[in-house]
């Protein structure tokens, strides 16, 4: 899938999510998502694919743990 199609699909998915709709029609096909979590995962996957296509490398995420004794 080329970059422009991925961007168009991403915009469609984001609009559906913000409207509270779980089915999306794109390129003559209807995609039904079972929950908002599935739709959010699809959006996240497309964002990662777009970032990879633009830069040629995967987007890195940094996770860490923070602790404090309250001092």
Protein backbone atom coordinates (compact mmCIF):
# COMPACT_ATOMS: atom_id res chain seq x y z
CA UNK A 1 0.00 0.00 0.00
CA UNK A 2 1.41 3.37 -0.93
CA UNK A 3 1.82 6.28 1.46
CA UNK A 4 -1.14 8.33 0.19
CA UNK A 5 -3.56 5.40 0.53
CA UNK A 6 -2.32 4.73 4.06
CA UNK A 7 -2.85 8.40 4.99
CA UNK A 8 -6.36 8.36 3.52
CA UNK A 9 -7.24 5.18 5.42
CA UNK A 10 -5.77 6.62 8.62
CA UNK A 11 -7.94 9.72 8.28
CA UNK A 12 -11.01 7.54 7.67
CA UNK A 13 -10.27 5.40 10.74
CA UNK A 14 -9.66 8.43 12.95
CA UNK A 15 -12.91 10.08 11.83
CA UNK A 16 -14.84 6.86 12.54
CA UNK A 17 -13.28 6.51 15.98
CA UNK A 18 -14.02 10.09 16.98
CA UNK A 19 -17.60 9.70 15.72
CA UNK A 20 -18.02 6.55 17.81
CA UNK A 21 -18.57 4.33 14.77
CA UNK A 22 -17.01 0.86 14.60
CA UNK A 23 -17.52 0.13 10.91
CA UNK A 24 -15.54 1.81 8.15
CA UNK A 25 -16.18 1.79 4.43
CA UNK A 26 -13.05 2.16 2.30
CA UNK A 27 -12.38 1.25 -1.35
CA UNK A 28 -15.80 -0.36 -1.62
CA UNK A 29 -15.19 -2.65 1.36
CA UNK A 30 -16.74 -2.47 4.80
CA UNK A 31 -14.57 -3.25 7.80
CA UNK A 32 -16.27 -3.88 11.16
CA UNK A 33 -14.25 -3.53 14.35
CA UNK A 34 -15.46 -5.36 17.45
CA UNK A 35 -14.40 -2.69 19.91
CA UNK A 36 -12.74 0.67 20.23
CA UNK A 37 -9.54 -1.12 21.24
CA UNK A 38 -9.41 -2.95 17.89
CA UNK A 39 -9.97 0.33 16.04
CA UNK A 40 -7.26 2.04 18.12
CA UNK A 41 -4.86 -0.82 17.32
CA UNK A 42 -5.58 -0.44 13.60
CA UNK A 43 -4.88 3.30 13.84
CA UNK A 44 -1.65 2.67 15.75
CA UNK A 45 -0.54 0.09 13.18
CA UNK A 46 -1.16 2.51 10.31
CA UNK A 47 0.70 5.31 12.10
CA UNK A 48 3.68 2.98 12.53
CA UNK A 49 3.57 1.93 8.88
CA UNK A 50 3.38 5.57 7.73
CA UNK A 51 6.32 6.54 9.97
CA UNK A 52 8.32 3.60 8.60
CA UNK A 53 7.49 4.47 5.00
CA UNK A 54 8.55 8.09 5.49
CA UNK A 55 11.78 7.53 7.36
CA UNK A 56 12.71 4.01 6.33
CA UNK A 57 13.08 2.95 9.97
CA UNK A 58 10.56 1.95 12.59
CA UNK A 59 9.40 4.47 15.15
CA UNK A 60 10.97 3.71 18.51
CA UNK A 61 9.09 3.87 21.74
CA UNK A 62 10.78 4.18 25.06
CA UNK A 63 9.23 2.64 28.13
CA UNK A 64 10.53 3.06 31.62
CA UNK A 65 9.64 2.72 35.25
CA UNK A 66 9.71 5.58 37.70
CA UNK A 67 9.67 5.11 41.46
CA UNK A 68 9.72 7.58 44.33
CA UNK A 69 9.80 7.30 48.09
CA UNK A 70 7.97 10.59 48.38
CA UNK A 71 10.93 12.52 49.80
